[in-house]
Amino acid sequence: MLDTLKEIAGLQLSLLSPVFFENHARKELYRVCADPATGETDPEKVHEKSLELANKHMWMLRLNRKLFDFPELATRLHNIETQAFGTAAGMDKNADALVPLSYIYGFQTPGTFVLHKREGNAKPRVLVDAENRTVYNSQGFPSEGMEHAWENLLKY
């Protein structure tokens, strides 16, 4: 229960303060996802944990969606007004977090779906250069497959 309360508090503070997110929540997420034996963190695990937490606490994203509503940036598409920014391609590779991400982003670009489940390239395949704030990605289209993604799109 304490972990869940810490997650909720951390998420709420992260939504309100990018400085808190950068200096505390992000570091805690990397710590939680670190390999206990080596201390090294696979950035993919951090990404997956982030989507997991978004799903787990989507109610909080829903309650705070006004934080991400910028009327001056709104655009109209097919008579629907939405924010003119969205997720990067592949942020949600399997369309697993469409609902919680919809509270933050106007547009979503799920991953490149492949027909059958696919592991992708061997790990490590994502490298983070923290000093230069860059990420190198060579995942090779890991995917749960088209059927999984299609079911998630239909639910959304």
N, C-alpha and C. Protein backbone atom coordinates (compact mmCIF):
# COMPACT_ATOMS: atom_id res chain seq x y z
N MET A 1 0.81 -1.19 0.00
CA MET A 1 0.00 0.00 0.00
C MET A 1 0.86 1.26 0.00
N LEU A 2 1.95 1.23 0.76
CA LEU A 2 2.83 2.39 0.82
C LEU A 2 3.41 2.68 -0.56
N ASP A 3 3.80 1.62 -1.30
CA ASP A 3 4.32 1.82 -2.64
C ASP A 3 3.29 2.50 -3.54
N THR A 4 2.03 2.08 -3.43
CA THR A 4 0.99 2.68 -4.24
C THR A 4 0.80 4.15 -3.87
N LEU A 5 0.82 4.47 -2.58
CA LEU A 5 0.70 5.86 -2.16
C LEU A 5 1.88 6.69 -2.66
N LYS A 6 3.08 6.11 -2.63
CA LYS A 6 4.26 6.81 -3.17
C LYS A 6 4.12 7.03 -4.67
N GLU A 7 3.59 6.03 -5.38
CA GLU A 7 3.37 6.18 -6.82
C GLU A 7 2.39 7.32 -7.09
N ILE A 8 1.29 7.34 -6.34
CA ILE A 8 0.27 8.37 -6.55
C ILE A 8 0.84 9.75 -6.25
N ALA A 9 1.53 9.89 -5.13
CA ALA A 9 2.12 11.18 -4.78
C ALA A 9 3.16 11.61 -5.81
N GLY A 10 3.99 10.67 -6.23
CA GLY A 10 5.01 10.98 -7.23
C GLY A 10 4.41 11.38 -8.56
N LEU A 11 3.37 10.68 -8.97
CA LEU A 11 2.71 11.02 -10.23
C LEU A 11 2.07 12.40 -10.15
N GLN A 12 1.37 12.66 -9.05
CA GLN A 12 0.71 13.97 -8.91
C GLN A 12 1.73 15.10 -8.93
N LEU A 13 2.80 14.95 -8.17
CA LEU A 13 3.84 15.99 -8.17
C LEU A 13 4.51 16.12 -9.53
N SER A 14 4.68 15.00 -10.23
CA SER A 14 5.30 15.04 -11.57
C SER A 14 4.41 15.77 -12.56
N LEU A 15 3.09 15.60 -12.42
CA LEU A 15 2.16 16.30 -13.31
C LEU A 15 2.19 17.80 -13.07
N LEU A 16 2.41 18.18 -11.83
CA LEU A 16 2.40 19.60 -11.47
C LEU A 16 3.75 20.29 -11.65
N SER A 17 4.82 19.51 -11.59
CA SER A 17 6.15 20.12 -11.61
C SER A 17 7.14 19.32 -12.44
N PRO A 18 7.50 19.82 -13.62
CA PRO A 18 8.53 19.15 -14.42
C PRO A 18 9.86 19.04 -13.67
N VAL A 19 10.14 19.98 -12.79
CA VAL A 19 11.38 19.94 -12.01
C VAL A 19 11.35 18.74 -11.06
N PHE A 20 10.21 18.50 -10.40
CA PHE A 20 10.09 17.33 -9.54
C PHE A 20 10.26 16.06 -10.36
N PHE A 21 9.60 16.02 -11.53
CA PHE A 21 9.72 14.83 -12.38
C PHE A 21 11.18 14.57 -12.73
N GLU A 22 11.87 15.58 -13.22
CA GLU A 22 13.26 15.42 -13.67
C GLU A 22 14.19 15.04 -12.52
N ASN A 23 14.04 15.69 -11.38
CA ASN A 23 14.99 15.51 -10.29
C ASN A 23 14.67 14.37 -9.32
N HIS A 24 13.40 13.92 -9.31
CA HIS A 24 13.02 12.91 -8.34
C HIS A 24 12.33 11.69 -8.96
N ALA A 25 11.19 11.92 -9.58
CA ALA A 25 10.39 10.79 -10.08
C ALA A 25 11.12 9.98 -11.13
N ARG A 26 11.73 10.66 -12.08
CA ARG A 26 12.47 9.95 -13.15
C ARG A 26 13.60 9.11 -12.56
N LYS A 27 14.34 9.68 -11.63
CA LYS A 27 15.44 8.96 -11.00
C LYS A 27 14.93 7.75 -10.20
N GLU A 28 13.80 7.92 -9.52
CA GLU A 28 13.21 6.82 -8.76
C GLU A 28 12.75 5.71 -9.69
N LEU A 29 12.19 6.07 -10.81
CA LEU A 29 11.74 5.08 -11.79
C LEU A 29 12.93 4.27 -12.32
N TYR A 30 14.03 4.94 -12.61
CA TYR A 30 15.23 4.23 -13.06
C TYR A 30 15.77 3.34 -11.94
N ARG A 31 15.71 3.80 -10.69
CA ARG A 31 16.19 2.99 -9.57
C ARG A 31 15.34 1.74 -9.41
N VAL A 32 14.03 1.89 -9.47
CA VAL A 32 13.11 0.76 -9.32
C VAL A 32 13.31 -0.28 -10.42
N CYS A 33 13.66 0.18 -11.60
CA CYS A 33 13.81 -0.73 -12.75
C CYS A 33 15.23 -1.28 -12.89
N ALA A 34 16.12 -0.92 -11.99
CA ALA A 34 17.51 -1.37 -12.09
C ALA A 34 17.63 -2.86 -11.76
N ASP A 35 18.57 -3.51 -12.41
CA ASP A 35 18.88 -4.90 -12.13
C ASP A 35 19.54 -4.96 -10.75
N PRO A 36 18.98 -5.72 -9.81
CA PRO A 36 19.54 -5.76 -8.44
C PRO A 36 21.00 -6.24 -8.42
N ALA A 37 21.37 -7.11 -9.34
CA ALA A 37 22.73 -7.66 -9.33
C ALA A 37 23.76 -6.66 -9.85
N THR A 38 23.42 -5.92 -10.91
CA THR A 38 24.40 -5.04 -11.54
C THR A 38 24.15 -3.56 -11.29
N GLY A 39 22.91 -3.22 -10.94
CA GLY A 39 22.57 -1.81 -10.77
C GLY A 39 22.27 -1.10 -12.08
N GLU A 40 22.46 -1.81 -13.20
CA GLU A 40 22.21 -1.21 -14.51
C GLU A 40 20.72 -1.23 -14.81
N THR A 41 20.28 -0.22 -15.54
CA THR A 41 18.86 -0.11 -15.89
C THR A 41 18.69 -0.21 -17.39
N ASP A 42 17.77 -1.05 -17.80
CA ASP A 42 17.39 -1.17 -19.20
C ASP A 42 16.33 -0.10 -19.46
N PRO A 43 16.61 0.88 -20.32
CA PRO A 43 15.63 1.94 -20.59
C PRO A 43 14.28 1.40 -21.05
N GLU A 44 14.28 0.23 -21.69
CA GLU A 44 13.00 -0.36 -22.12
C GLU A 44 12.14 -0.72 -20.91
N LYS A 45 12.77 -1.21 -19.85
CA LYS A 45 12.02 -1.53 -18.63
C LYS A 45 11.40 -0.28 -18.03
N VAL A 46 12.15 0.81 -18.06
CA VAL A 46 11.63 2.08 -17.55
C VAL A 46 10.43 2.52 -18.38
N HIS A 47 10.54 2.39 -19.69
CA HIS A 47 9.44 2.75 -20.58
C HIS A 47 8.20 1.89 -20.31
N GLU A 48 8.41 0.58 -20.21
CA GLU A 48 7.30 -0.34 -19.94
C GLU A 48 6.66 -0.05 -18.58
N LYS A 49 7.48 0.24 -17.58
CA LYS A 49 6.96 0.56 -16.24
C LYS A 49 6.16 1.86 -16.29
N SER A 50 6.60 2.81 -17.08
CA SER A 50 5.87 4.07 -17.22
C SER A 50 4.48 3.85 -17.79
N LEU A 51 4.38 3.01 -18.83
CA LEU A 51 3.07 2.71 -19.41
C LEU A 51 2.21 1.93 -18.43
N GLU A 52 2.83 1.02 -17.68
CA GLU A 52 2.11 0.25 -16.66
C GLU A 52 1.52 1.19 -15.61
N LEU A 53 2.33 2.15 -15.15
CA LEU A 53 1.85 3.10 -14.15
C LEU A 53 0.77 4.01 -14.72
N ALA A 54 0.89 4.39 -15.98
CA ALA A 54 -0.15 5.22 -16.62
C ALA A 54 -1.47 4.47 -16.62
N ASN A 55 -1.45 3.18 -16.94
CA ASN A 55 -2.68 2.38 -16.90
C ASN A 55 -3.20 2.22 -15.48
N LYS A 56 -2.30 1.94 -14.56
CA LYS A 56 -2.70 1.70 -13.17
C LYS A 56 -3.35 2.94 -12.55
N HIS A 57 -2.82 4.11 -12.89
CA HIS A 57 -3.29 5.35 -12.28
C HIS A 57 -3.94 6.28 -13.31
N MET A 58 -4.61 5.69 -14.30
CA MET A 58 -5.22 6.53 -15.33
C MET A 58 -6.28 7.47 -14.75
N TRP A 59 -6.87 7.09 -13.64
CA TRP A 59 -7.86 7.96 -12.99
C TRP A 59 -7.23 9.30 -12.64
N MET A 60 -5.96 9.29 -12.23
CA MET A 60 -5.29 10.54 -11.87
C MET A 60 -5.02 11.38 -13.13
N LEU A 61 -4.64 10.71 -14.20
CA LEU A 61 -4.43 11.44 -15.45
C LEU A 61 -5.75 12.05 -15.92
N ARG A 62 -6.82 11.29 -15.76
CA ARG A 62 -8.14 11.81 -16.15
C ARG A 62 -8.50 13.04 -15.31
N LEU A 63 -8.28 12.97 -13.99
CA LEU A 63 -8.60 14.09 -13.11
C LEU A 63 -7.74 15.33 -13.41
N ASN A 64 -6.54 15.10 -13.93
CA ASN A 64 -5.61 16.20 -14.19
C ASN A 64 -5.52 16.58 -15.66
N ARG A 65 -6.42 16.09 -16.49
CA ARG A 65 -6.31 16.32 -17.93
C ARG A 65 -6.34 17.80 -18.29
N LYS A 66 -6.94 18.64 -17.47
CA LYS A 66 -6.99 20.08 -17.76
C LYS A 66 -5.58 20.70 -17.75
N LEU A 67 -4.65 20.05 -17.06
CA LEU A 67 -3.27 20.54 -17.07
C LEU A 67 -2.67 20.48 -18.48
N PHE A 68 -3.26 19.63 -19.32
CA PHE A 68 -2.73 19.42 -20.67
C PHE A 68 -3.66 19.98 -21.74
N ASP A 69 -4.55 20.85 -21.32
CA ASP A 69 -5.50 21.47 -22.24
C ASP A 69 -5.03 22.89 -22.52
N PHE A 70 -4.58 23.09 -23.74
CA PHE A 70 -4.07 24.40 -24.15
C PHE A 70 -4.93 24.90 -25.30
N PRO A 71 -6.00 25.66 -25.01
CA PRO A 71 -6.93 26.10 -26.05
C PRO A 71 -6.24 26.82 -27.21
N GLU A 72 -5.19 27.55 -26.92
CA GLU A 72 -4.49 28.28 -27.98
C GLU A 72 -3.77 27.34 -28.95
N LEU A 73 -3.59 26.08 -28.57
CA LEU A 73 -2.92 25.11 -29.44
C LEU A 73 -3.91 24.10 -30.04
N ALA A 74 -5.19 24.27 -29.74
CA ALA A 74 -6.19 23.32 -30.21
C ALA A 74 -6.32 23.36 -31.73
N THR A 75 -6.68 22.23 -32.28
CA THR A 75 -6.94 22.13 -33.71
C THR A 75 -8.23 21.34 -33.91
N ARG A 76 -8.87 21.56 -35.03
CA ARG A 76 -10.13 20.88 -35.33
C ARG A 76 -9.88 19.90 -36.46
N LEU A 77 -10.30 18.68 -36.25
CA LEU A 77 -10.14 17.63 -37.25
C LEU A 77 -11.44 16.84 -37.30
N HIS A 78 -12.11 16.86 -38.43
CA HIS A 78 -13.40 16.18 -38.59
C HIS A 78 -14.39 16.56 -37.48
N ASN A 79 -14.48 17.85 -37.23
CA ASN A 79 -15.40 18.41 -36.23
C ASN A 79 -15.09 17.99 -34.79
N ILE A 80 -13.89 17.51 -34.55
CA ILE A 80 -13.46 17.19 -33.20
C ILE A 80 -12.31 18.12 -32.86
N GLU A 81 -12.44 18.84 -31.75
CA GLU A 81 -11.36 19.72 -31.33
C GLU A 81 -10.44 18.94 -30.39
N THR A 82 -9.15 19.03 -30.66
CA THR A 82 -8.17 18.30 -29.86
C THR A 82 -6.88 19.09 -29.82
N GLN A 83 -5.98 18.66 -28.97
CA GLN A 83 -4.67 19.29 -28.89
C GLN A 83 -3.85 18.92 -30.12
N ALA A 84 -3.02 19.81 -30.55
CA ALA A 84 -2.26 19.63 -31.79
C ALA A 84 -0.93 18.92 -31.57
N PHE A 85 -0.78 18.22 -30.46
CA PHE A 85 0.46 17.49 -30.21
C PHE A 85 0.12 16.10 -29.71
N GLY A 86 1.06 15.19 -29.85
CA GLY A 86 0.78 13.82 -29.46
C GLY A 86 2.02 13.03 -29.14
N THR A 87 1.83 11.74 -29.04
CA THR A 87 2.94 10.85 -28.71
C THR A 87 3.85 10.66 -29.91
N ALA A 88 5.08 10.33 -29.63
CA ALA A 88 6.02 9.98 -30.69
C ALA A 88 5.62 8.61 -31.24
N ALA A 89 5.94 8.40 -32.48
CA ALA A 89 5.65 7.09 -33.09
C ALA A 89 6.29 5.99 -32.26
N GLY A 90 5.51 5.01 -31.90
CA GLY A 90 6.03 3.88 -31.14
C GLY A 90 6.06 4.07 -29.64
N MET A 91 5.60 5.21 -29.14
CA MET A 91 5.56 5.41 -27.68
C MET A 91 4.77 4.28 -27.02
N ASP A 92 3.68 3.91 -27.65
CA ASP A 92 2.82 2.84 -27.14
C ASP A 92 2.75 1.76 -28.22
N LYS A 93 3.82 0.97 -28.30
CA LYS A 93 4.01 0.03 -29.41
C LYS A 93 2.85 -0.93 -29.66
N ASN A 94 2.17 -1.34 -28.61
CA ASN A 94 1.11 -2.33 -28.74
C ASN A 94 -0.28 -1.76 -28.47
N ALA A 95 -0.37 -0.44 -28.42
CA ALA A 95 -1.64 0.24 -28.12
C ALA A 95 -2.19 -0.19 -26.76
N ASP A 96 -1.28 -0.39 -25.80
CA ASP A 96 -1.67 -0.85 -24.47
C ASP A 96 -2.12 0.28 -23.54
N ALA A 97 -1.76 1.52 -23.85
CA ALA A 97 -2.05 2.64 -22.94
C ALA A 97 -2.78 3.78 -23.65
N LEU A 98 -3.61 3.45 -24.61
CA LEU A 98 -4.32 4.48 -25.37
C LEU A 98 -5.18 5.38 -24.49
N VAL A 99 -5.91 4.78 -23.57
CA VAL A 99 -6.82 5.58 -22.73
C VAL A 99 -6.05 6.55 -21.84
N PRO A 100 -5.11 6.08 -21.00
CA PRO A 100 -4.43 7.05 -20.14
C PRO A 100 -3.65 8.10 -20.93
N LEU A 101 -3.04 7.71 -22.04
CA LEU A 101 -2.30 8.69 -22.83
C LEU A 101 -3.22 9.71 -23.50
N SER A 102 -4.49 9.33 -23.72
CA SER A 102 -5.43 10.26 -24.34
C SER A 102 -5.76 11.43 -23.42
N TYR A 103 -5.52 11.28 -22.13
CA TYR A 103 -5.75 12.38 -21.20
C TYR A 103 -4.63 13.42 -21.24
N ILE A 104 -3.52 13.06 -21.87
CA ILE A 104 -2.37 13.95 -21.94
C ILE A 104 -2.18 14.48 -23.36
N TYR A 105 -2.35 13.61 -24.36
CA TYR A 105 -2.04 13.94 -25.74
C TYR A 105 -3.28 14.03 -26.61
N GLY A 106 -3.23 14.94 -27.57
CA GLY A 106 -4.33 15.06 -28.52
C GLY A 106 -4.30 13.95 -29.55
N PHE A 107 -3.13 13.63 -30.06
CA PHE A 107 -2.97 12.59 -31.07
C PHE A 107 -2.08 11.50 -30.50
N GLN A 108 -2.33 10.28 -30.94
CA GLN A 108 -1.48 9.17 -30.54
C GLN A 108 -1.06 8.40 -31.77
N THR A 109 0.19 8.01 -31.78
CA THR A 109 0.72 7.21 -32.87
C THR A 109 1.24 5.91 -32.28
N PRO A 110 0.39 4.88 -32.24
CA PRO A 110 0.89 3.61 -31.72
C PRO A 110 2.02 3.06 -32.60
N GLY A 111 2.60 1.97 -32.19
CA GLY A 111 3.75 1.41 -32.90
C GLY A 111 3.44 0.87 -34.27
N THR A 112 4.48 0.41 -34.91
CA THR A 112 4.33 -0.31 -36.16
C THR A 112 3.94 -1.73 -35.79
N PHE A 113 2.72 -2.10 -36.11
CA PHE A 113 2.23 -3.42 -35.73
C PHE A 113 2.71 -4.44 -36.75
N VAL A 114 3.20 -5.54 -36.25
CA VAL A 114 3.59 -6.65 -37.13
C VAL A 114 2.53 -7.74 -36.99
N LEU A 115 2.45 -8.60 -37.97
CA LEU A 115 1.38 -9.59 -38.01
C LEU A 115 1.44 -10.53 -36.80
N HIS A 116 2.61 -11.07 -36.52
CA HIS A 116 2.75 -12.05 -35.43
C HIS A 116 3.65 -11.48 -34.34
N LYS A 117 3.51 -12.01 -33.15
CA LYS A 117 4.35 -11.59 -32.03
C LYS A 117 5.82 -11.69 -32.44
N ARG A 118 6.58 -10.70 -32.02
CA ARG A 118 7.99 -10.64 -32.43
C ARG A 118 8.81 -10.04 -31.30
N GLU A 119 9.94 -10.66 -31.03
CA GLU A 119 10.80 -10.22 -29.93
C GLU A 119 11.63 -8.98 -30.28
N GLY A 120 11.96 -8.79 -31.53
CA GLY A 120 12.82 -7.68 -31.91
C GLY A 120 14.28 -8.06 -31.79
N ASN A 121 15.15 -7.07 -31.87
CA ASN A 121 16.59 -7.31 -31.81
C ASN A 121 17.02 -7.74 -30.41
N ALA A 122 18.21 -8.29 -30.32
CA ALA A 122 18.76 -8.69 -29.02
C ALA A 122 19.04 -7.46 -28.17
N LYS A 123 18.90 -7.62 -26.86
CA LYS A 123 19.18 -6.53 -25.93
C LYS A 123 20.66 -6.50 -25.58
N PRO A 124 21.19 -5.37 -25.27
CA PRO A 124 20.55 -4.06 -25.16
C PRO A 124 20.34 -3.45 -26.55
N ARG A 125 19.20 -2.84 -26.70
CA ARG A 125 18.87 -2.24 -28.00
C ARG A 125 18.40 -0.80 -27.88
N VAL A 126 18.34 -0.32 -26.64
CA VAL A 126 18.08 1.09 -26.40
C VAL A 126 19.17 1.58 -25.47
N LEU A 127 19.87 2.62 -25.88
CA LEU A 127 20.94 3.18 -25.07
C LEU A 127 20.62 4.64 -24.79
N VAL A 128 20.82 5.07 -23.55
CA VAL A 128 20.57 6.44 -23.16
C VAL A 128 21.89 7.13 -22.90
N ASP A 129 22.09 8.26 -23.55
CA ASP A 129 23.25 9.11 -23.29
C ASP A 129 22.73 10.27 -22.45
N ALA A 130 22.76 10.09 -21.12
CA ALA A 130 22.17 11.08 -20.21
C ALA A 130 22.86 12.44 -20.32
N GLU A 131 24.17 12.42 -20.52
CA GLU A 131 24.92 13.67 -20.59
C GLU A 131 24.43 14.55 -21.75
N ASN A 132 24.19 13.93 -22.90
CA ASN A 132 23.73 14.68 -24.07
C ASN A 132 22.22 14.64 -24.25
N ARG A 133 21.53 13.95 -23.31
CA ARG A 133 20.08 13.84 -23.32
C ARG A 133 19.57 13.28 -24.65
N THR A 134 20.17 12.17 -25.07
CA THR A 134 19.76 11.51 -26.31
C THR A 134 19.52 10.03 -26.05
N VAL A 135 18.74 9.43 -26.94
CA VAL A 135 18.44 8.01 -26.85
C VAL A 135 18.72 7.39 -28.21
N TYR A 136 19.36 6.24 -28.20
CA TYR A 136 19.64 5.49 -29.43
C TYR A 136 18.77 4.24 -29.40
N ASN A 137 17.99 4.06 -30.44
CA ASN A 137 16.99 3.00 -30.47
C ASN A 137 17.25 2.07 -31.64
N SER A 138 17.41 0.80 -31.34
CA SER A 138 17.58 -0.22 -32.37
C SER A 138 16.78 -1.45 -31.97
N GLN A 139 15.49 -1.25 -31.69
CA GLN A 139 14.67 -2.31 -31.14
C GLN A 139 14.31 -3.40 -32.14
N GLY A 140 14.16 -3.07 -33.39
CA GLY A 140 13.81 -4.09 -34.37
C GLY A 140 12.34 -4.48 -34.33
N PHE A 141 11.47 -3.53 -34.01
CA PHE A 141 10.02 -3.71 -34.01
C PHE A 141 9.52 -4.84 -33.12
N PRO A 142 9.86 -4.82 -31.82
CA PRO A 142 9.23 -5.81 -30.94
C PRO A 142 7.74 -5.53 -30.89
N SER A 143 6.94 -6.57 -30.85
CA SER A 143 5.49 -6.38 -30.90
C SER A 143 4.78 -7.59 -30.33
N GLU A 144 3.62 -7.34 -29.76
CA GLU A 144 2.75 -8.43 -29.31
C GLU A 144 1.93 -8.97 -30.47
N GLY A 145 2.03 -8.35 -31.63
CA GLY A 145 1.33 -8.82 -32.82
C GLY A 145 0.06 -8.03 -33.11
N MET A 146 -0.39 -8.17 -34.34
CA MET A 146 -1.53 -7.41 -34.84
C MET A 146 -2.81 -7.68 -34.05
N GLU A 147 -3.07 -8.92 -33.71
CA GLU A 147 -4.32 -9.26 -33.00
C GLU A 147 -4.39 -8.53 -31.66
N HIS A 148 -3.28 -8.53 -30.92
CA HIS A 148 -3.22 -7.85 -29.62
C HIS A 148 -3.50 -6.36 -29.79
N ALA A 149 -2.81 -5.74 -30.73
CA ALA A 149 -3.00 -4.30 -30.97
C ALA A 149 -4.42 -4.00 -31.44
N TRP A 150 -4.96 -4.82 -32.32
CA TRP A 150 -6.29 -4.60 -32.84
C TRP A 150 -7.33 -4.66 -31.71
N GLU A 151 -7.19 -5.62 -30.80
CA GLU A 151 -8.11 -5.72 -29.66
C GLU A 151 -8.05 -4.47 -28.81
N ASN A 152 -6.83 -3.94 -28.59
CA ASN A 152 -6.69 -2.72 -27.81
C ASN A 152 -7.31 -1.52 -28.53
N LEU A 153 -7.12 -1.45 -29.83
CA LEU A 153 -7.73 -0.35 -30.59
C LEU A 153 -9.23 -0.41 -30.54
N LEU A 154 -9.79 -1.60 -30.63
CA LEU A 154 -11.25 -1.75 -30.55
C LEU A 154 -11.78 -1.33 -29.17
N LYS A 155 -11.07 -1.69 -28.11
CA LYS A 155 -11.49 -1.29 -26.77
C LYS A 155 -11.45 0.22 -26.63
N TYR A 156 -10.45 0.85 -27.22
CA TYR A 156 -10.29 2.29 -27.14
C TYR A 156 -11.43 2.99 -27.86
